Structures are given as C-alpha cells and as structure tokens.
C-alpha cells in the first residue's frame, strides 16, 4: 500500500510505517499545494493520505477522490505524540475504501 504523509505530519513517521511504501509531500515537492489540489495529485499514485489536518474532512468532498484519508488527531503533531497512533493508523488503512476518511484519535487517560 502506498502512503503519502501530508505536510502536517513529520516525515520521520515513515520509520514506523515500514510495512508500506511511504513518501512525504516534501519528497514529492508538493509543499504548499492546497488540499484539493493535493488530493487530486495524490490519488493518482497513492492509496492513503495521512494528515494531521483535522479540517480536511470538512473542507473537501473526500468521496469524490480515489484516495483514502486518515487524519491523525494526536495530542500534537510531534513525532512522539503520533507514534502511539500508528497501530490504529495501519488498521484503518486496511479497512477504508476509496473516498473514505477515518480519524485516529489519541486514547490517553
């Protein structure tokens, strides 16, 4: 499965996603693309967009795209706050269909 990490997600998260082929928006030189243009570009080559932008499901009509979107809703966007979400992220990647969104939330105490 091919994953694309949005600008809002640290690129170093890829080290925790070793079972998948992972690129970042920065790797692709897509920095600064607006969400609609990013989704349109990403759907051609990627299965899942991983983002920490919790507004994307409300700003974009995700069902019109052929990509899945997983929103990481951690305590912050720092790597150490997102790593605990990886197991749920990976599970959601497998469950989602094209055009669907899942929000993976921190389950702290």
PDB file of N, CA and C in Angstrom:
ATOM      1  N   UNK A   1       0.853  -1.168   0.000  1.00  0.00           N
ATOM      2  CA  UNK A   1       0.000   0.000   0.000  1.00  0.00           C
ATOM      3  C   UNK A   1       0.904   1.238   0.000  1.00  0.00           C
ATOM      4  N   UNK A   2       0.548   2.231  -0.786  1.00  0.00           N
ATOM      5  CA  UNK A   2       1.342   3.454  -0.882  1.00  0.00           C
ATOM      6  C   UNK A   2       0.692   4.551  -0.037  1.00  0.00           C
ATOM      7  N   UNK A   3       1.484   5.095   0.888  1.00  0.00           N
ATOM      8  CA  UNK A   3       1.018   6.155   1.782  1.00  0.00           C
ATOM      9  C   UNK A   3       1.739   7.457   1.467  1.00  0.00           C
ATOM     10  N   UNK A   4       1.024   8.563   1.577  1.00  0.00           N
ATOM     11  CA  UNK A   4       1.603   9.886   1.416  1.00  0.00           C
ATOM     12  C   UNK A   4       1.396  10.651   2.710  1.00  0.00           C
ATOM     13  N   UNK A   5       2.497  11.124   3.297  1.00  0.00           N
ATOM     14  CA  UNK A   5       2.424  11.923   4.519  1.00  0.00           C
ATOM     15  C   UNK A   5       2.272  13.390   4.149  1.00  0.00           C
ATOM     16  N   UNK A   6       1.238  14.010   4.667  1.00  0.00           N
ATOM     17  CA  UNK A   6       0.969  15.429   4.437  1.00  0.00           C
ATOM     18  C   UNK A   6       2.021  16.280   5.154  1.00  0.00           C
ATOM     19  N   UNK A   7       2.062  17.550   4.808  1.00  0.00           N
ATOM     20  CA  UNK A   7       3.000  18.483   5.441  1.00  0.00           C
ATOM     21  C   UNK A   7       2.817  18.559   6.953  1.00  0.00           C
ATOM     22  N   UNK A   8       1.614  18.293   7.425  1.00  0.00           N
ATOM     23  CA  UNK A   8       1.313  18.404   8.860  1.00  0.00           C
ATOM     24  C   UNK A   8       1.832  17.218   9.670  1.00  0.00           C
ATOM     25  N   UNK A   9       2.379  16.225   8.987  1.00  0.00           N
ATOM     26  CA  UNK A   9       2.882  15.010   9.644  1.00  0.00           C
ATOM     27  C   UNK A   9       4.401  14.964   9.473  1.00  0.00           C
ATOM     28  N   UNK A  10       5.142  14.758  10.559  1.00  0.00           N
ATOM     29  CA  UNK A  10       6.606  14.678  10.424  1.00  0.00           C
ATOM     30  C   UNK A  10       7.028  13.529   9.503  1.00  0.00           C
ATOM     31  N   UNK A  11       7.923  13.813   8.596  1.00  0.00           N
ATOM     32  CA  UNK A  11       8.410  12.801   7.666  1.00  0.00           C
ATOM     33  C   UNK A  11       9.048  11.610   8.357  1.00  0.00           C
ATOM     34  N   UNK A  12       9.577  11.837   9.557  1.00  0.00           N
ATOM     35  CA  UNK A  12      10.220  10.743  10.297  1.00  0.00           C
ATOM     36  C   UNK A  12       9.233   9.670  10.741  1.00  0.00           C
ATOM     37  N   UNK A  13       7.931   9.942  10.620  1.00  0.00           N
ATOM     38  CA  UNK A  13       6.934   8.926  10.965  1.00  0.00           C
ATOM     39  C   UNK A  13       7.062   7.713  10.046  1.00  0.00           C
ATOM     40  N   UNK A  14       7.625   7.902   8.858  1.00  0.00           N
ATOM     41  CA  UNK A  14       7.781   6.798   7.898  1.00  0.00           C
ATOM     42  C   UNK A  14       8.569   5.641   8.504  1.00  0.00           C
ATOM     43  N   UNK A  15       9.478   5.910   9.442  1.00  0.00           N
ATOM     44  CA  UNK A  15      10.262   4.839  10.080  1.00  0.00           C
ATOM     45  C   UNK A  15       9.385   3.870  10.849  1.00  0.00           C
ATOM     46  N   UNK A  16       8.178   4.303  11.184  1.00  0.00           N
ATOM     47  CA  UNK A  16       7.242   3.473  11.952  1.00  0.00           C
ATOM     48  C   UNK A  16       6.189   2.830  11.050  1.00  0.00           C
ATOM     49  N   UNK A  17       6.336   3.045   9.745  1.00  0.00           N
ATOM     50  CA  UNK A  17       5.373   2.529   8.770  1.00  0.00           C
ATOM     51  C   UNK A  17       6.084   1.624   7.761  1.00  0.00           C
ATOM     52  N   UNK A  18       6.969   0.792   8.247  1.00  0.00           N
ATOM     53  CA  UNK A  18       7.868   0.019   7.391  1.00  0.00           C
ATOM     54  C   UNK A  18       7.167  -1.042   6.548  1.00  0.00           C
ATOM     55  N   UNK A  19       5.940  -1.366   6.870  1.00  0.00           N
ATOM     56  CA  UNK A  19       5.231  -2.382   6.088  1.00  0.00           C
ATOM     57  C   UNK A  19       4.596  -1.794   4.829  1.00  0.00           C
ATOM     58  N   UNK A  20       4.757  -0.492   4.627  1.00  0.00           N
ATOM     59  CA  UNK A  20       4.163   0.180   3.471  1.00  0.00           C
ATOM     60  C   UNK A  20       5.201   1.037   2.757  1.00  0.00           C
ATOM     61  N   UNK A  21       4.897   1.395   1.538  1.00  0.00           N
ATOM     62  CA  UNK A  21       5.720   2.304   0.743  1.00  0.00           C
ATOM     63  C   UNK A  21       5.262   3.720   1.101  1.00  0.00           C
ATOM     64  N   UNK A  22       6.146   4.524   1.682  1.00  0.00           N
ATOM     65  CA  UNK A  22       5.757   5.834   2.222  1.00  0.00           C
ATOM     66  C   UNK A  22       6.599   6.951   1.611  1.00  0.00           C
ATOM     67  N   UNK A  23       5.925   7.984   1.141  1.00  0.00           N
ATOM     68  CA  UNK A  23       6.555   9.227   0.696  1.00  0.00           C
ATOM     69  C   UNK A  23       5.937  10.361   1.495  1.00  0.00           C
ATOM     70  N   UNK A  24       6.584  11.503   1.442  1.00  0.00           N
ATOM     71  CA  UNK A  24       6.005  12.695   2.057  1.00  0.00           C
ATOM     72  C   UNK A  24       5.721  13.725   0.974  1.00  0.00           C
ATOM     73  N   UNK A  25       4.862  14.657   1.297  1.00  0.00           N
ATOM     74  CA  UNK A  25       4.566  15.761   0.393  1.00  0.00           C
ATOM     75  C   UNK A  25       5.873  16.481   0.048  1.00  0.00           C
ATOM     76  N   UNK A  26       6.735  16.601   1.034  1.00  0.00           N
ATOM     77  CA  UNK A  26       8.025  17.255   0.802  1.00  0.00           C
ATOM     78  C   UNK A  26       8.873  16.464  -0.205  1.00  0.00           C
ATOM     79  N   UNK A  27       8.897  15.135  -0.077  1.00  0.00           N
ATOM     80  CA  UNK A  27       9.637  14.287  -1.023  1.00  0.00           C
ATOM     81  C   UNK A  27       9.182  14.537  -2.455  1.00  0.00           C
ATOM     82  N   UNK A  28       7.895  14.714  -2.616  1.00  0.00           N
ATOM     83  CA  UNK A  28       7.304  14.894  -3.948  1.00  0.00           C
ATOM     84  C   UNK A  28       7.386  16.340  -4.437  1.00  0.00           C
ATOM     85  N   UNK A  29       7.870  17.223  -3.570  1.00  0.00           N
ATOM     86  CA  UNK A  29       7.929  18.661  -3.867  1.00  0.00           C
ATOM     87  C   UNK A  29       6.536  19.224  -4.109  1.00  0.00           C
ATOM     88  N   UNK A  30       5.589  18.726  -3.309  1.00  0.00           N
ATOM     89  CA  UNK A  30       4.210  19.204  -3.363  1.00  0.00           C
ATOM     90  C   UNK A  30       3.912  20.134  -2.193  1.00  0.00           C
ATOM     91  N   UNK A  31       4.945  20.616  -1.531  1.00  0.00           N
ATOM     92  CA  UNK A  31       4.764  21.540  -0.409  1.00  0.00           C
ATOM     93  C   UNK A  31       3.918  22.715  -0.886  1.00  0.00           C
ATOM     94  N   UNK A  32       2.999  23.149  -0.059  1.00  0.00           N
ATOM     95  CA  UNK A  32       2.214  24.337  -0.356  1.00  0.00           C
ATOM     96  C   UNK A  32       0.988  24.099  -1.219  1.00  0.00           C
ATOM     97  N   UNK A  33       0.800  22.869  -1.744  1.00  0.00           N
ATOM     98  CA  UNK A  33      -0.412  22.602  -2.518  1.00  0.00           C
ATOM     99  C   UNK A  33      -1.629  22.710  -1.607  1.00  0.00           C
ATOM    100  N   UNK A  34      -2.654  23.328  -2.086  1.00  0.00           N
ATOM    101  CA  UNK A  34      -3.922  23.378  -1.350  1.00  0.00           C
ATOM    102  C   UNK A  34      -4.491  21.966  -1.283  1.00  0.00           C
ATOM    103  N   UNK A  35      -5.334  21.719  -0.278  1.00  0.00           N
ATOM    104  CA  UNK A  35      -5.828  20.360  -0.044  1.00  0.00           C
ATOM    105  C   UNK A  35      -6.490  19.717  -1.259  1.00  0.00           C
ATOM    106  N   UNK A  36      -7.327  20.450  -1.980  1.00  0.00           N
ATOM    107  CA  UNK A  36      -7.996  19.884  -3.148  1.00  0.00           C
ATOM    108  C   UNK A  36      -7.005  19.463  -4.219  1.00  0.00           C
ATOM    109  N   UNK A  37      -6.029  20.323  -4.499  1.00  0.00           N
ATOM    110  CA  UNK A  37      -5.003  20.006  -5.498  1.00  0.00           C
ATOM    111  C   UNK A  37      -4.133  18.855  -5.022  1.00  0.00           C
ATOM    112  N   UNK A  38      -3.846  18.803  -3.741  1.00  0.00           N
ATOM    113  CA  UNK A  38      -3.044  17.721  -3.183  1.00  0.00           C
ATOM    114  C   UNK A  38      -3.772  16.384  -3.319  1.00  0.00           C
ATOM    115  N   UNK A  39      -5.037  16.352  -2.957  1.00  0.00           N
ATOM    116  CA  UNK A  39      -5.816  15.116  -3.081  1.00  0.00           C
ATOM    117  C   UNK A  39      -5.891  14.657  -4.530  1.00  0.00           C
ATOM    118  N   UNK A  40      -6.063  15.594  -5.426  1.00  0.00           N
ATOM    119  CA  UNK A  40      -6.144  15.266  -6.847  1.00  0.00           C
ATOM    120  C   UNK A  40      -4.821  14.682  -7.359  1.00  0.00           C
ATOM    121  N   UNK A  41      -3.718  15.284  -6.965  1.00  0.00           N
ATOM    122  CA  UNK A  41      -2.408  14.776  -7.378  1.00  0.00           C
ATOM    123  C   UNK A  41      -2.116  13.428  -6.720  1.00  0.00           C
ATOM    124  N   UNK A  42      -2.429  13.309  -5.448  1.00  0.00           N
ATOM    125  CA  UNK A  42      -2.092  12.105  -4.685  1.00  0.00           C
ATOM    126  C   UNK A  42      -2.896  10.893  -5.114  1.00  0.00           C
ATOM    127  N   UNK A  43      -4.144  11.081  -5.501  1.00  0.00           N
ATOM    128  CA  UNK A  43      -4.994   9.926  -5.819  1.00  0.00           C
ATOM    129  C   UNK A  43      -4.482   9.125  -7.016  1.00  0.00           C
ATOM    130  N   UNK A  44      -3.636   9.727  -7.817  1.00  0.00           N
ATOM    131  CA  UNK A  44      -3.104   9.051  -8.998  1.00  0.00           C
ATOM    132  C   UNK A  44      -2.084   7.975  -8.612  1.00  0.00           C
ATOM    133  N   UNK A  45      -1.294   8.236  -7.550  1.00  0.00           N
ATOM    134  CA  UNK A  45      -0.192   7.336  -7.206  1.00  0.00           C
ATOM    135  C   UNK A  45      -0.263   6.713  -5.817  1.00  0.00           C
ATOM    136  N   UNK A  46      -1.146   7.201  -4.969  1.00  0.00           N
ATOM    137  CA  UNK A  46      -1.168   6.756  -3.578  1.00  0.00           C
ATOM    138  C   UNK A  46      -2.521   6.187  -3.203  1.00  0.00           C
ATOM    139  N   UNK A  47      -2.493   5.318  -2.201  1.00  0.00           N
ATOM    140  CA  UNK A  47      -3.722   4.721  -1.684  1.00  0.00           C
ATOM    141  C   UNK A  47      -4.289   5.519  -0.521  1.00  0.00           C
ATOM    142  N   UNK A  48      -3.378   6.098   0.297  1.00  0.00           N
ATOM    143  CA  UNK A  48      -3.804   6.774   1.518  1.00  0.00           C
ATOM    144  C   UNK A  48      -3.019   8.069   1.701  1.00  0.00           C
ATOM    145  N   UNK A  49      -3.748   9.132   2.041  1.00  0.00           N
ATOM    146  CA  UNK A  49      -3.127  10.377   2.501  1.00  0.00           C
ATOM    147  C   UNK A  49      -3.220  10.381   4.009  1.00  0.00           C
ATOM    148  N   UNK A  50      -2.080  10.511   4.679  1.00  0.00           N
ATOM    149  CA  UNK A  50      -2.035  10.581   6.139  1.00  0.00           C
ATOM    150  C   UNK A  50      -1.793  12.040   6.495  1.00  0.00           C
ATOM    151  N   UNK A  51      -2.695  12.616   7.265  1.00  0.00           N
ATOM    152  CA  UNK A  51      -2.611  14.024   7.607  1.00  0.00           C
ATOM    153  C   UNK A  51      -2.948  14.243   9.074  1.00  0.00           C
ATOM    154  N   UNK A  52      -2.547  15.377   9.589  1.00  0.00           N
ATOM    155  CA  UNK A  52      -2.960  15.783  10.934  1.00  0.00           C
ATOM    156  C   UNK A  52      -3.914  16.977  10.830  1.00  0.00           C
ATOM    157  N   UNK A  53      -4.295  17.325   9.616  1.00  0.00           N
ATOM    158  CA  UNK A  53      -5.216  18.428   9.361  1.00  0.00           C
ATOM    159  C   UNK A  53      -6.640  17.951   9.641  1.00  0.00           C
ATOM    160  N   UNK A  54      -7.143  18.268  10.822  1.00  0.00           N
ATOM    161  CA  UNK A  54      -8.458  17.780  11.225  1.00  0.00           C
ATOM    162  C   UNK A  54      -9.600  18.476  10.498  1.00  0.00           C
ATOM    163  N   UNK A  55      -9.294  19.515   9.738  1.00  0.00           N
ATOM    164  CA  UNK A  55     -10.328  20.229   8.986  1.00  0.00           C
ATOM    165  C   UNK A  55     -10.565  19.633   7.603  1.00  0.00           C
ATOM    166  N   UNK A  56      -9.640  18.836   7.105  1.00  0.00           N
ATOM    167  CA  UNK A  56      -9.738  18.341   5.728  1.00  0.00           C
ATOM    168  C   UNK A  56     -11.059  17.623   5.427  1.00  0.00           C
ATOM    169  N   UNK A  57     -11.614  16.824   6.340  1.00  0.00           N
ATOM    170  CA  UNK A  57     -12.887  16.167   6.001  1.00  0.00           C
ATOM    171  C   UNK A  57     -14.039  17.158   5.822  1.00  0.00           C
ATOM    172  N   UNK A  58     -13.917  18.332   6.420  1.00  0.00           N
ATOM    173  CA  UNK A  58     -14.980  19.326   6.341  1.00  0.00           C
ATOM    174  C   UNK A  58     -14.759  20.308   5.198  1.00  0.00           C
ATOM    175  N   UNK A  59     -13.509  20.440   4.757  1.00  0.00           N
ATOM    176  CA  UNK A  59     -13.173  21.387   3.704  1.00  0.00           C
ATOM    177  C   UNK A  59     -13.214  20.756   2.313  1.00  0.00           C
ATOM    178  N   UNK A  60     -13.102  19.438   2.236  1.00  0.00           N
ATOM    179  CA  UNK A  60     -13.039  18.744   0.951  1.00  0.00           C
ATOM    180  C   UNK A  60     -14.126  17.679   0.870  1.00  0.00           C
ATOM    181  N   UNK A  61     -14.580  17.414  -0.315  1.00  0.00           N
ATOM    182  CA  UNK A  61     -15.540  16.335  -0.560  1.00  0.00           C
ATOM    183  C   UNK A  61     -14.731  15.070  -0.865  1.00  0.00           C
ATOM    184  N   UNK A  62     -14.262  14.431   0.179  1.00  0.00           N
ATOM    185  CA  UNK A  62     -13.364  13.283   0.042  1.00  0.00           C
ATOM    186  C   UNK A  62     -13.960  12.168  -0.832  1.00  0.00           C
ATOM    187  N   UNK A  63     -15.268  11.898  -0.763  1.00  0.00           N
ATOM    188  CA  UNK A  63     -15.809  10.801  -1.586  1.00  0.00           C
ATOM    189  C   UNK A  63     -15.600  10.978  -3.093  1.00  0.00           C
ATOM    190  N   UNK A  64     -15.305  12.171  -3.545  1.00  0.00           N
ATOM    191  CA  UNK A  64     -15.092  12.348  -4.993  1.00  0.00           C
ATOM    192  C   UNK A  64     -13.672  11.990  -5.430  1.00  0.00           C
ATOM    193  N   UNK A  65     -12.813  11.660  -4.469  1.00  0.00           N
ATOM    194  CA  UNK A  65     -11.431  11.285  -4.769  1.00  0.00           C
ATOM    195  C   UNK A  65     -11.253   9.773  -4.647  1.00  0.00           C
ATOM    196  N   UNK A  66     -10.261   9.229  -5.356  1.00  0.00           N
ATOM    197  CA  UNK A  66      -9.978   7.794  -5.318  1.00  0.00           C
ATOM    198  C   UNK A  66      -8.903   7.465  -4.280  1.00  0.00           C
ATOM    199  N   UNK A  67      -8.817   8.240  -3.249  1.00  0.00           N
ATOM    200  CA  UNK A  67      -7.807   8.027  -2.224  1.00  0.00           C
ATOM    201  C   UNK A  67      -8.505   7.952  -0.873  1.00  0.00           C
ATOM    202  N   UNK A  68      -7.904   7.212   0.024  1.00  0.00           N
ATOM    203  CA  UNK A  68      -8.391   7.160   1.404  1.00  0.00           C
ATOM    204  C   UNK A  68      -7.659   8.252   2.179  1.00  0.00           C
ATOM    205  N   UNK A  69      -8.278   8.766   3.230  1.00  0.00           N
ATOM    206  CA  UNK A  69      -7.637   9.787   4.056  1.00  0.00           C
ATOM    207  C   UNK A  69      -7.712   9.341   5.508  1.00  0.00           C
ATOM    208  N   UNK A  70      -6.560   9.347   6.175  1.00  0.00           N
ATOM    209  CA  UNK A  70      -6.524   9.061   7.612  1.00  0.00           C
ATOM    210  C   UNK A  70      -6.007  10.314   8.305  1.00  0.00           C
ATOM    211  N   UNK A  71      -6.822  10.821   9.216  1.00  0.00           N
ATOM    212  CA  UNK A  71      -6.472  12.011   9.988  1.00  0.00           C
ATOM    213  C   UNK A  71      -5.961  11.557  11.352  1.00  0.00           C
ATOM    214  N   UNK A  72      -4.740  11.969  11.679  1.00  0.00           N
ATOM    215  CA  UNK A  72      -4.160  11.657  12.985  1.00  0.00           C
ATOM    216  C   UNK A  72      -4.491  12.801  13.944  1.00  0.00           C
ATOM    217  N   UNK A  73      -5.262  12.503  14.962  1.00  0.00           N
ATOM    218  CA  UNK A  73      -5.669  13.506  15.943  1.00  0.00           C
ATOM    219  C   UNK A  73      -4.956  13.207  17.259  1.00  0.00           C
ATOM    220  N   UNK A  74      -3.667  13.490  17.279  1.00  0.00           N
ATOM    221  CA  UNK A  74      -2.864  13.262  18.472  1.00  0.00           C
ATOM    222  C   UNK A  74      -2.890  14.462  19.396  1.00  0.00           C
ATOM    223  N   UNK A  75      -2.154  14.368  20.477  1.00  0.00           N
ATOM    224  CA  UNK A  75      -2.029  15.480  21.414  1.00  0.00           C
ATOM    225  C   UNK A  75      -1.414  16.678  20.699  1.00  0.00           C
ATOM    226  N   UNK A  76      -0.467  16.387  19.795  1.00  0.00           N
ATOM    227  CA  UNK A  76       0.164  17.410  18.962  1.00  0.00           C
ATOM    228  C   UNK A  76       0.606  16.722  17.670  1.00  0.00           C
ATOM    229  N   UNK A  77       1.237  17.469  16.802  1.00  0.00           N
ATOM    230  CA  UNK A  77       1.760  16.897  15.554  1.00  0.00           C
ATOM    231  C   UNK A  77       3.202  16.434  15.705  1.00  0.00           C
ATOM    232  N   UNK A  78       3.718  16.442  16.908  1.00  0.00           N
ATOM    233  CA  UNK A  78       5.099  15.996  17.128  1.00  0.00           C
ATOM    234  C   UNK A  78       5.178  14.484  16.970  1.00  0.00           C
ATOM    235  N   UNK A  79       6.320  14.039  16.480  1.00  0.00           N
ATOM    236  CA  UNK A  79       6.521  12.621  16.220  1.00  0.00           C
ATOM    237  C   UNK A  79       6.175  11.758  17.428  1.00  0.00           C
ATOM    238  N   UNK A  80       6.678  12.129  18.595  1.00  0.00           N
ATOM    239  CA  UNK A  80       6.446  11.297  19.782  1.00  0.00           C
ATOM    240  C   UNK A  80       4.970  11.216  20.178  1.00  0.00           C
ATOM    241  N   UNK A  81       4.165  12.188  19.741  1.00  0.00           N
ATOM    242  CA  UNK A  81       2.727  12.138  20.016  1.00  0.00           C
ATOM    243  C   UNK A  81       1.958  11.364  18.945  1.00  0.00           C
ATOM    244  N   UNK A  82       2.552  11.208  17.766  1.00  0.00           N
ATOM    245  CA  UNK A  82       1.882  10.491  16.683  1.00  0.00           C
ATOM    246  C   UNK A  82       2.238   9.010  16.629  1.00  0.00           C
ATOM    247  N   UNK A  83       3.422   8.647  17.087  1.00  0.00           N
ATOM    248  CA  UNK A  83       3.847   7.237  17.044  1.00  0.00           C
ATOM    249  C   UNK A  83       2.845   6.307  17.740  1.00  0.00           C
ATOM    250  N   UNK A  84       2.274   6.676  18.897  1.00  0.00           N
ATOM    251  CA  UNK A  84       1.303   5.761  19.520  1.00  0.00           C
ATOM    252  C   UNK A  84       0.041   5.524  18.677  1.00  0.00           C
ATOM    253  N   UNK A  85      -0.193   6.369  17.685  1.00  0.00           N
ATOM    254  CA  UNK A  85      -1.368   6.214  16.825  1.00  0.00           C
ATOM    255  C   UNK A  85      -1.121   5.269  15.647  1.00  0.00           C
ATOM    256  N   UNK A  86       0.135   4.871  15.434  1.00  0.00           N
ATOM    257  CA  UNK A  86       0.494   4.067  14.264  1.00  0.00           C
ATOM    258  C   UNK A  86      -0.288   2.761  14.165  1.00  0.00           C
ATOM    259  N   UNK A  87      -0.453   1.963  15.227  1.00  0.00           N
ATOM    260  CA  UNK A  87      -1.219   0.715  15.062  1.00  0.00           C
ATOM    261  C   UNK A  87      -2.639   0.959  14.548  1.00  0.00           C
ATOM    262  N   UNK A  88      -3.308   1.972  15.083  1.00  0.00           N
ATOM    263  CA  UNK A  88      -4.659   2.281  14.604  1.00  0.00           C
ATOM    264  C   UNK A  88      -4.625   2.835  13.183  1.00  0.00           C
ATOM    265  N   UNK A  89      -3.610   3.622  12.867  1.00  0.00           N
ATOM    266  CA  UNK A  89      -3.446   4.146  11.512  1.00  0.00           C
ATOM    267  C   UNK A  89      -3.343   2.997  10.518  1.00  0.00           C
ATOM    268  N   UNK A  90      -2.489   2.036  10.799  1.00  0.00           N
ATOM    269  CA  UNK A  90      -2.294   0.902   9.896  1.00  0.00           C
ATOM    270  C   UNK A  90      -3.570   0.080   9.744  1.00  0.00           C
ATOM    271  N   UNK A  91      -4.287  -0.090  10.828  1.00  0.00           N
ATOM    272  CA  UNK A  91      -5.542  -0.832  10.770  1.00  0.00           C
ATOM    273  C   UNK A  91      -6.557  -0.105   9.894  1.00  0.00           C
ATOM    274  N   UNK A  92      -6.649   1.190  10.066  1.00  0.00           N
ATOM    275  CA  UNK A  92      -7.597   1.988   9.266  1.00  0.00           C
ATOM    276  C   UNK A  92      -7.230   1.974   7.783  1.00  0.00           C
ATOM    277  N   UNK A  93      -5.949   1.998   7.478  1.00  0.00           N
ATOM    278  CA  UNK A  93      -5.516   1.959   6.081  1.00  0.00           C
ATOM    279  C   UNK A  93      -6.071   0.725   5.381  1.00  0.00           C
ATOM    280  N   UNK A  94      -6.098  -0.391   6.085  1.00  0.00           N
ATOM    281  CA  UNK A  94      -6.581  -1.648   5.510  1.00  0.00           C
ATOM    282  C   UNK A  94      -8.097  -1.680   5.396  1.00  0.00           C
ATOM    283  N   UNK A  95      -8.790  -1.030   6.306  1.00  0.00           N
ATOM    284  CA  UNK A  95     -10.256  -1.095   6.356  1.00  0.00           C
ATOM    285  C   UNK A  95     -10.947  -0.139   5.391  1.00  0.00           C
ATOM    286  N   UNK A  96     -10.352   1.018   5.169  1.00  0.00           N
ATOM    287  CA  UNK A  96     -11.008   2.058   4.380  1.00  0.00           C
ATOM    288  C   UNK A  96     -11.119   1.706   2.909  1.00  0.00           C
ATOM    289  N   UNK A  97     -12.157   2.218   2.308  1.00  0.00           N
ATOM    290  CA  UNK A  97     -12.353   2.137   0.868  1.00  0.00           C
ATOM    291  C   UNK A  97     -11.987   3.484   0.258  1.00  0.00           C
ATOM    292  N   UNK A  98     -11.791   3.522  -1.049  1.00  0.00           N
ATOM    293  CA  UNK A  98     -11.502   4.780  -1.732  1.00  0.00           C
ATOM    294  C   UNK A  98     -12.588   5.803  -1.401  1.00  0.00           C
ATOM    295  N   UNK A  99     -12.156   7.048  -1.167  1.00  0.00           N
ATOM    296  CA  UNK A  99     -13.098   8.127  -0.891  1.00  0.00           C
ATOM    297  C   UNK A  99     -13.592   8.189   0.543  1.00  0.00           C
ATOM    298  N   UNK A 100     -13.020   7.381   1.425  1.00  0.00           N
ATOM    299  CA  UNK A 100     -13.438   7.384   2.831  1.00  0.00           C
ATOM    300  C   UNK A 100     -12.369   8.054   3.698  1.00  0.00           C
ATOM    301  N   UNK A 101     -12.838   8.559   4.831  1.00  0.00           N
ATOM    302  CA  UNK A 101     -11.970   9.237   5.805  1.00  0.00           C
ATOM    303  C   UNK A 101     -12.107   8.528   7.145  1.00  0.00           C
ATOM    304  N   UNK A 102     -10.987   8.398   7.843  1.00  0.00           N
ATOM    305  CA  UNK A 102     -11.001   7.894   9.213  1.00  0.00           C
ATOM    306  C   UNK A 102     -10.195   8.862  10.071  1.00  0.00           C
ATOM    307  N   UNK A 103     -10.669   9.068  11.271  1.00  0.00           N
ATOM    308  CA  UNK A 103      -9.939   9.893  12.240  1.00  0.00           C
ATOM    309  C   UNK A 103      -9.420   8.973  13.318  1.00  0.00           C
ATOM    310  N   UNK A 104      -8.109   8.984  13.511  1.00  0.00           N
ATOM    311  CA  UNK A 104      -7.450   8.171  14.530  1.00  0.00           C
ATOM    312  C   UNK A 104      -7.109   9.099  15.677  1.00  0.00           C
ATOM    313  N   UNK A 105      -7.767   8.878  16.796  1.00  0.00           N
ATOM    314  CA  UNK A 105      -7.621   9.756  17.958  1.00  0.00           C
ATOM    315  C   UNK A 105      -6.722   9.139  19.029  1.00  0.00           C
ATOM    316  N   UNK A 106      -6.050  10.002  19.749  1.00  0.00           N
ATOM    317  CA  UNK A 106      -5.256   9.607  20.903  1.00  0.00           C
ATOM    318  C   UNK A 106      -6.213   9.131  21.984  1.00  0.00           C
ATOM    319  N   UNK A 107      -5.885   7.991  22.582  1.00  0.00           N
ATOM    320  CA  UNK A 107      -6.749   7.395  23.607  1.00  0.00           C
ATOM    321  C   UNK A 107      -6.089   7.509  24.964  1.00  0.00           C
ATOM    322  N   UNK A 108      -5.687   8.712  25.315  1.00  0.00           N
ATOM    323  CA  UNK A 108      -4.985   8.926  26.580  1.00  0.00           C
ATOM    324  C   UNK A 108      -5.896   8.792  27.774  1.00  0.00           C
ATOM    325  N   UNK A 109      -5.289   8.859  28.931  1.00  0.00           N
ATOM    326  CA  UNK A 109      -6.053   8.685  30.162  1.00  0.00           C
ATOM    327  C   UNK A 109      -6.867   9.906  30.497  1.00  0.00           C
TER     328      UNK A 109
END
